[in-house]
Amino acid sequence: MCRSIKTLRPPAIPEEATEEEIRAAALQFVRKVSGFRAPAAHNQEVFDRAVEEITEATVGLLEGLEVRGAVRTP
């Protein structure tokens, strides 16, 4: 679906994803799902809220994943 969104967990990337990388992936997802690269002013609030919610969900996902066979740094 969103080929420009990269995998954000080790070993795909050598260290933990940055907040900027996670937010960029969330933004790409919202753009793809909504069909808008930049929303109209009357949709900006809901668009931004979706990006924030997906960012938070992604952080929770990455923190909760257990990647077997990979070395996890504290």
C-alpha atoms as a PDB file:
ATOM      1  CA  MET A   1       0.000   0.000   0.000  1.00  0.00           C
ATOM      2  CA  CYS A   2       2.541   2.616   1.114  1.00  0.00           C
ATOM      3  CA  ARG A   3       5.811   1.544  -0.430  1.00  0.00           C
ATOM      4  CA  SER A   4       7.520   4.749   0.677  1.00  0.00           C
ATOM      5  CA  ILE A   5       7.016   3.874   4.347  1.00  0.00           C
ATOM      6  CA  LYS A   6      10.131   2.080   5.556  1.00  0.00           C
ATOM      7  CA  THR A   7      10.340  -0.607   8.209  1.00  0.00           C
ATOM      8  CA  LEU A   8      11.066   1.081  11.529  1.00  0.00           C
ATOM      9  CA  ARG A   9      12.321  -1.786  13.660  1.00  0.00           C
ATOM     10  CA  PRO A  10      15.691  -3.477  13.998  1.00  0.00           C
ATOM     11  CA  PRO A  11      17.228  -5.265  12.200  1.00  0.00           C
ATOM     12  CA  ALA A  12      15.758  -3.341   9.243  1.00  0.00           C
ATOM     13  CA  ILE A  13      17.346  -0.236  10.762  1.00  0.00           C
ATOM     14  CA  PRO A  14      20.394  -0.531  13.010  1.00  0.00           C
ATOM     15  CA  GLU A  15      19.005   1.486  15.926  1.00  0.00           C
ATOM     16  CA  GLU A  16      15.592   2.445  17.245  1.00  0.00           C
ATOM     17  CA  ALA A  17      13.511   4.664  14.992  1.00  0.00           C
ATOM     18  CA  THR A  18      13.562   8.357  15.765  1.00  0.00           C
ATOM     19  CA  GLU A  19      10.458  10.362  16.581  1.00  0.00           C
ATOM     20  CA  GLU A  20      10.891  12.117  13.227  1.00  0.00           C
ATOM     21  CA  GLU A  21      10.965   8.807  11.306  1.00  0.00           C
ATOM     22  CA  ILE A  22       7.868   7.552  13.118  1.00  0.00           C
ATOM     23  CA  ARG A  23       5.935  10.764  12.476  1.00  0.00           C
ATOM     24  CA  ALA A  24       6.964  10.749   8.793  1.00  0.00           C
ATOM     25  CA  ALA A  25       5.619   7.219   8.409  1.00  0.00           C
ATOM     26  CA  ALA A  26       2.351   8.214  10.130  1.00  0.00           C
ATOM     27  CA  LEU A  27       2.016  11.231   7.842  1.00  0.00           C
ATOM     28  CA  GLN A  28       2.573   9.066   4.748  1.00  0.00           C
ATOM     29  CA  PHE A  29      -0.083   6.640   5.968  1.00  0.00           C
ATOM     30  CA  VAL A  30      -2.655   9.387   6.591  1.00  0.00           C
ATOM     31  CA  ARG A  31      -1.916  10.942   3.191  1.00  0.00           C
ATOM     32  CA  LYS A  32      -2.411   7.588   1.474  1.00  0.00           C
ATOM     33  CA  VAL A  33      -5.615   6.688   3.306  1.00  0.00           C
ATOM     34  CA  SER A  34      -7.180  10.150   2.995  1.00  0.00           C
ATOM     35  CA  GLY A  35      -6.092  10.736  -0.580  1.00  0.00           C
ATOM     36  CA  PHE A  36      -4.824  14.208   0.344  1.00  0.00           C
ATOM     37  CA  ARG A  37      -1.200  15.291   0.284  1.00  0.00           C
ATOM     38  CA  ALA A  38      -2.202  18.444   2.128  1.00  0.00           C
ATOM     39  CA  PRO A  39      -5.740  18.751   3.462  1.00  0.00           C
ATOM     40  CA  ALA A  40      -7.987  21.762   2.999  1.00  0.00           C
ATOM     41  CA  ALA A  41      -8.220  24.113   5.978  1.00  0.00           C
ATOM     42  CA  HIS A  42     -11.552  22.613   7.063  1.00  0.00           C
ATOM     43  CA  ASN A  43      -9.925  19.137   7.262  1.00  0.00           C
ATOM     44  CA  GLN A  44      -6.601  20.170   8.814  1.00  0.00           C
ATOM     45  CA  GLU A  45      -7.558  19.448  12.426  1.00  0.00           C
ATOM     46  CA  VAL A  46      -8.809  15.912  11.790  1.00  0.00           C
ATOM     47  CA  PHE A  47      -5.835  15.219   9.492  1.00  0.00           C
ATOM     48  CA  ASP A  48      -3.328  16.376  12.154  1.00  0.00           C
ATOM     49  CA  ARG A  49      -5.140  14.436  14.874  1.00  0.00           C
ATOM     50  CA  ALA A  50      -4.945  11.254  12.793  1.00  0.00           C
ATOM     51  CA  VAL A  51      -1.200  11.737  12.278  1.00  0.00           C
ATOM     52  CA  GLU A  52      -0.688  12.154  16.035  1.00  0.00           C
ATOM     53  CA  GLU A  53      -2.825   9.123  16.917  1.00  0.00           C
ATOM     54  CA  ILE A  54      -1.021   6.925  14.404  1.00  0.00           C
ATOM     55  CA  THR A  55       2.334   8.210  15.649  1.00  0.00           C
ATOM     56  CA  GLU A  56       1.386   7.231  19.211  1.00  0.00           C
ATOM     57  CA  ALA A  57       0.087   3.831  18.098  1.00  0.00           C
ATOM     58  CA  THR A  58       3.313   3.216  16.175  1.00  0.00           C
ATOM     59  CA  VAL A  59       5.448   4.066  19.201  1.00  0.00           C
ATOM     60  CA  GLY A  60       3.410   1.593  21.264  1.00  0.00           C
ATOM     61  CA  LEU A  61       3.754  -1.070  18.605  1.00  0.00           C
ATOM     62  CA  LEU A  62       7.514  -0.663  18.284  1.00  0.00           C
ATOM     63  CA  GLU A  63       7.969  -0.665  22.079  1.00  0.00           C
ATOM     64  CA  GLY A  64       5.900  -3.830  22.429  1.00  0.00           C
ATOM     65  CA  LEU A  65       7.392  -5.897  19.618  1.00  0.00           C
ATOM     66  CA  GLU A  66       9.658  -8.766  20.504  1.00  0.00           C
ATOM     67  CA  VAL A  67      12.012  -9.518  17.642  1.00  0.00           C
ATOM     68  CA  ARG A  68      13.457 -12.944  18.309  1.00  0.00           C
ATOM     69  CA  GLY A  69      17.066 -13.471  17.390  1.00  0.00           C
ATOM     70  CA  ALA A  70      17.817  -9.751  17.408  1.00  0.00           C
ATOM     71  CA  VAL A  71      19.884  -8.027  20.050  1.00  0.00           C
ATOM     72  CA  ARG A  72      17.727  -5.434  21.809  1.00  0.00           C
ATOM     73  CA  THR A  73      19.421  -2.471  23.424  1.00  0.00           C
ATOM     74  CA  PRO A  74      17.959  -1.105  26.678  1.00  0.00           C
END
